């Protein structure tokens, strides 16, 4: 997943399972687990340690997924705070053709992160400026 240079995530999925990958949630895992118990061969039952290991692995994966989601949320909040902190500030912008200076007049939040609107010294407004394109912030 690409990450902007000063902290925001881009293209982050909005909810677990919305990315179309082939994963199961906790409820589906429990149903699968119970079905496996119900239909096991009574003459050769599966070892209890194997079931406990499967539960522990699933628990660890769920915790890792939650940690990843929380990290993405923190990065998004950080980028939001940074973008709002640039309102009415003089900035230098690069990466949109010729570098220019201007004042941040608006912040728009999209699925790709915060995008700034910058008014240059001639009064022309440039929209869609990403945080990573800001090279200098002046007081």
C-alpha atoms as a PDB file:
ATOM      1  CA  UNK A   1       0.000   0.000   0.000  1.00  0.00           C
ATOM      2  CA  UNK A   2       1.557   3.362  -0.962  1.00  0.00           C
ATOM      3  CA  UNK A   3       2.083   5.816   1.876  1.00  0.00           C
ATOM      4  CA  UNK A   4       2.469   9.571   1.430  1.00  0.00           C
ATOM      5  CA  UNK A   5       5.785  10.959   2.598  1.00  0.00           C
ATOM      6  CA  UNK A   6       4.360  12.786   5.609  1.00  0.00           C
ATOM      7  CA  UNK A   7       1.978  10.161   6.786  1.00  0.00           C
ATOM      8  CA  UNK A   8      -1.283   9.577   4.951  1.00  0.00           C
ATOM      9  CA  UNK A   9      -2.328   6.311   3.400  1.00  0.00           C
ATOM     10  CA  UNK A  10      -3.675   6.204  -0.108  1.00  0.00           C
ATOM     11  CA  UNK A  11      -6.227   3.773  -1.408  1.00  0.00           C
ATOM     12  CA  UNK A  12      -6.731   2.140   1.959  1.00  0.00           C
ATOM     13  CA  UNK A  13      -9.743  -0.204   2.093  1.00  0.00           C
ATOM     14  CA  UNK A  14     -12.630   1.234   4.070  1.00  0.00           C
ATOM     15  CA  UNK A  15     -13.792  -1.978   5.713  1.00  0.00           C
ATOM     16  CA  UNK A  16     -12.511  -5.467   6.293  1.00  0.00           C
ATOM     17  CA  UNK A  17     -13.472  -7.743   3.430  1.00  0.00           C
ATOM     18  CA  UNK A  18     -14.149  -4.893   1.006  1.00  0.00           C
ATOM     19  CA  UNK A  19     -10.935  -5.585  -0.923  1.00  0.00           C
ATOM     20  CA  UNK A  20     -12.286  -8.779  -2.489  1.00  0.00           C
ATOM     21  CA  UNK A  21      -9.582 -11.030  -1.060  1.00  0.00           C
ATOM     22  CA  UNK A  22     -10.357 -14.608  -0.066  1.00  0.00           C
ATOM     23  CA  UNK A  23     -10.490 -14.446   3.729  1.00  0.00           C
ATOM     24  CA  UNK A  24     -13.013 -15.567   6.300  1.00  0.00           C
ATOM     25  CA  UNK A  25     -14.195 -13.703   9.348  1.00  0.00           C
ATOM     26  CA  UNK A  26     -14.421 -15.054  12.879  1.00  0.00           C
ATOM     27  CA  UNK A  27     -18.030 -16.279  12.560  1.00  0.00           C
ATOM     28  CA  UNK A  28     -17.269 -18.219   9.383  1.00  0.00           C
ATOM     29  CA  UNK A  29     -14.208 -19.750  11.004  1.00  0.00           C
ATOM     30  CA  UNK A  30     -16.235 -20.914  14.032  1.00  0.00           C
ATOM     31  CA  UNK A  31     -18.882 -22.454  11.744  1.00  0.00           C
ATOM     32  CA  UNK A  32     -16.175 -24.239   9.747  1.00  0.00           C
ATOM     33  CA  UNK A  33     -14.506 -25.388  12.962  1.00  0.00           C
ATOM     34  CA  UNK A  34     -17.776 -26.811  14.367  1.00  0.00           C
ATOM     35  CA  UNK A  35     -18.593 -28.522  11.071  1.00  0.00           C
ATOM     36  CA  UNK A  36     -15.152 -30.110  11.081  1.00  0.00           C
ATOM     37  CA  UNK A  37     -15.782 -31.402  14.618  1.00  0.00           C
ATOM     38  CA  UNK A  38     -19.229 -32.693  13.713  1.00  0.00           C
ATOM     39  CA  UNK A  39     -18.116 -34.646  10.652  1.00  0.00           C
ATOM     40  CA  UNK A  40     -14.764 -36.011  11.823  1.00  0.00           C
ATOM     41  CA  UNK A  41     -14.150 -39.737  11.590  1.00  0.00           C
ATOM     42  CA  UNK A  42     -15.050 -41.223  15.015  1.00  0.00           C
ATOM     43  CA  UNK A  43     -12.517 -44.025  14.521  1.00  0.00           C
ATOM     44  CA  UNK A  44      -9.683 -41.518  13.895  1.00  0.00           C
ATOM     45  CA  UNK A  45     -10.551 -38.290  15.671  1.00  0.00           C
ATOM     46  CA  UNK A  46      -8.350 -35.280  15.181  1.00  0.00           C
ATOM     47  CA  UNK A  47      -6.022 -34.475  18.049  1.00  0.00           C
ATOM     48  CA  UNK A  48      -7.274 -31.734  20.409  1.00  0.00           C
ATOM     49  CA  UNK A  49      -3.894 -30.010  20.223  1.00  0.00           C
ATOM     50  CA  UNK A  50      -4.367 -29.577  16.486  1.00  0.00           C
ATOM     51  CA  UNK A  51      -7.719 -27.839  17.036  1.00  0.00           C
ATOM     52  CA  UNK A  52      -6.227 -25.602  19.725  1.00  0.00           C
ATOM     53  CA  UNK A  53      -3.376 -24.701  17.387  1.00  0.00           C
ATOM     54  CA  UNK A  54      -5.877 -23.729  14.674  1.00  0.00           C
ATOM     55  CA  UNK A  55      -7.787 -21.526  17.135  1.00  0.00           C
ATOM     56  CA  UNK A  56      -4.566 -19.876  18.304  1.00  0.00           C
ATOM     57  CA  UNK A  57      -3.475 -19.203  14.725  1.00  0.00           C
ATOM     58  CA  UNK A  58      -6.813 -17.668  13.853  1.00  0.00           C
ATOM     59  CA  UNK A  59      -6.720 -15.523  16.986  1.00  0.00           C
ATOM     60  CA  UNK A  60      -3.217 -14.286  16.118  1.00  0.00           C
ATOM     61  CA  UNK A  61      -4.276 -13.475  12.559  1.00  0.00           C
ATOM     62  CA  UNK A  62      -7.309 -11.544  13.807  1.00  0.00           C
ATOM     63  CA  UNK A  63      -5.142  -9.526  16.193  1.00  0.00           C
ATOM     64  CA  UNK A  64      -2.675  -8.763  13.381  1.00  0.00           C
ATOM     65  CA  UNK A  65      -5.553  -7.602  11.152  1.00  0.00           C
ATOM     66  CA  UNK A  66      -6.866  -5.320  13.909  1.00  0.00           C
ATOM     67  CA  UNK A  67      -3.390  -3.898  14.505  1.00  0.00           C
ATOM     68  CA  UNK A  68      -3.015  -3.193  10.800  1.00  0.00           C
ATOM     69  CA  UNK A  69      -6.410  -1.476  10.672  1.00  0.00           C
ATOM     70  CA  UNK A  70      -5.583   0.617  13.734  1.00  0.00           C
ATOM     71  CA  UNK A  71      -2.260   1.663  12.174  1.00  0.00           C
ATOM     72  CA  UNK A  72      -4.045   2.717   8.975  1.00  0.00           C
ATOM     73  CA  UNK A  73      -6.557   4.701  11.038  1.00  0.00           C
ATOM     74  CA  UNK A  74      -3.745   6.466  12.918  1.00  0.00           C
ATOM     75  CA  UNK A  75      -1.967   7.348   9.666  1.00  0.00           C
ATOM     76  CA  UNK A  76      -5.196   8.732   8.263  1.00  0.00           C
ATOM     77  CA  UNK A  77      -5.825  10.820  11.384  1.00  0.00           C
ATOM     78  CA  UNK A  78      -2.248  12.111  11.268  1.00  0.00           C
ATOM     79  CA  UNK A  79      -2.619  13.158   7.621  1.00  0.00           C
ATOM     80  CA  UNK A  80      -5.925  14.868   8.438  1.00  0.00           C
ATOM     81  CA  UNK A  81      -4.328  16.835  11.270  1.00  0.00           C
ATOM     82  CA  UNK A  82      -1.402  17.823   9.058  1.00  0.00           C
ATOM     83  CA  UNK A  83      -3.676  18.957   6.248  1.00  0.00           C
ATOM     84  CA  UNK A  84      -5.888  21.032   8.551  1.00  0.00           C
ATOM     85  CA  UNK A  85      -2.780  22.574  10.120  1.00  0.00           C
ATOM     86  CA  UNK A  86      -1.787  23.934   6.699  1.00  0.00           C
ATOM     87  CA  UNK A  87      -4.946  26.025   6.261  1.00  0.00           C
ATOM     88  CA  UNK A  88      -4.071  29.720   5.700  1.00  0.00           C
ATOM     89  CA  UNK A  89      -0.337  28.895   5.619  1.00  0.00           C
ATOM     90  CA  UNK A  90       2.141  29.916   2.940  1.00  0.00           C
ATOM     91  CA  UNK A  91       3.549  26.821   1.215  1.00  0.00           C
ATOM     92  CA  UNK A  92       5.856  25.915  -1.652  1.00  0.00           C
ATOM     93  CA  UNK A  93       4.472  23.251  -3.985  1.00  0.00           C
ATOM     94  CA  UNK A  94       6.413  20.991  -6.356  1.00  0.00           C
ATOM     95  CA  UNK A  95       5.352  18.105  -8.561  1.00  0.00           C
ATOM     96  CA  UNK A  96       2.571  19.867 -10.514  1.00  0.00           C
ATOM     97  CA  UNK A  97       4.694  21.262 -13.302  1.00  0.00           C
ATOM     98  CA  UNK A  98       6.681  24.341 -12.320  1.00  0.00           C
ATOM     99  CA  UNK A  99       7.130  24.802  -8.549  1.00  0.00           C
ATOM    100  CA  UNK A 100       5.104  27.661  -7.070  1.00  0.00           C
ATOM    101  CA  UNK A 101       4.283  29.356  -3.771  1.00  0.00           C
ATOM    102  CA  UNK A 102       0.852  30.125  -2.402  1.00  0.00           C
ATOM    103  CA  UNK A 103      -1.590  29.995   0.478  1.00  0.00           C
ATOM    104  CA  UNK A 104      -3.596  26.897   1.382  1.00  0.00           C
ATOM    105  CA  UNK A 105      -7.254  27.961   1.215  1.00  0.00           C
ATOM    106  CA  UNK A 106      -9.125  24.636   1.440  1.00  0.00           C
ATOM    107  CA  UNK A 107      -8.728  20.963   2.289  1.00  0.00           C
ATOM    108  CA  UNK A 108     -10.747  18.215   0.615  1.00  0.00           C
ATOM    109  CA  UNK A 109     -10.745  14.645   1.945  1.00  0.00           C
ATOM    110  CA  UNK A 110     -10.981  11.892  -0.666  1.00  0.00           C
ATOM    111  CA  UNK A 111     -10.372   8.156  -0.672  1.00  0.00           C
ATOM    112  CA  UNK A 112      -6.817   8.940  -1.811  1.00  0.00           C
ATOM    113  CA  UNK A 113      -6.169  11.184   1.205  1.00  0.00           C
ATOM    114  CA  UNK A 114      -6.257  14.902   1.839  1.00  0.00           C
ATOM    115  CA  UNK A 115      -6.032  17.222  -1.163  1.00  0.00           C
ATOM    116  CA  UNK A 116      -5.294  20.906  -0.769  1.00  0.00           C
ATOM    117  CA  UNK A 117      -6.388  23.936  -2.750  1.00  0.00           C
ATOM    118  CA  UNK A 118      -3.603  26.521  -3.013  1.00  0.00           C
ATOM    119  CA  UNK A 119      -3.984  30.130  -4.192  1.00  0.00           C
ATOM    120  CA  UNK A 120      -0.742  31.407  -5.745  1.00  0.00           C
ATOM    121  CA  UNK A 121       0.513  34.995  -5.657  1.00  0.00           C
ATOM    122  CA  UNK A 122      -1.276  35.778  -8.947  1.00  0.00           C
ATOM    123  CA  UNK A 123      -4.603  34.675  -7.452  1.00  0.00           C
ATOM    124  CA  UNK A 124      -4.867  31.445  -9.459  1.00  0.00           C
ATOM    125  CA  UNK A 125      -6.182  28.459  -7.466  1.00  0.00           C
ATOM    126  CA  UNK A 126      -4.619  25.027  -7.885  1.00  0.00           C
ATOM    127  CA  UNK A 127      -6.647  22.112  -6.547  1.00  0.00           C
ATOM    128  CA  UNK A 128      -5.667  18.495  -5.917  1.00  0.00           C
ATOM    129  CA  UNK A 129      -2.343  19.267  -4.221  1.00  0.00           C
ATOM    130  CA  UNK A 130      -1.302  16.280  -2.110  1.00  0.00           C
ATOM    131  CA  UNK A 131       0.579  16.580   1.170  1.00  0.00           C
ATOM    132  CA  UNK A 132       3.641  14.925  -0.345  1.00  0.00           C
ATOM    133  CA  UNK A 133       3.860  17.756  -2.913  1.00  0.00           C
ATOM    134  CA  UNK A 134       4.347  20.404  -0.204  1.00  0.00           C
ATOM    135  CA  UNK A 135       8.085  21.144  -0.025  1.00  0.00           C
ATOM    136  CA  UNK A 136       8.108  24.052   2.427  1.00  0.00           C
ATOM    137  CA  UNK A 137       5.705  25.539   4.967  1.00  0.00           C
ATOM    138  CA  UNK A 138       6.250  29.178   5.893  1.00  0.00           C
ATOM    139  CA  UNK A 139       5.056  30.849   9.066  1.00  0.00           C
END
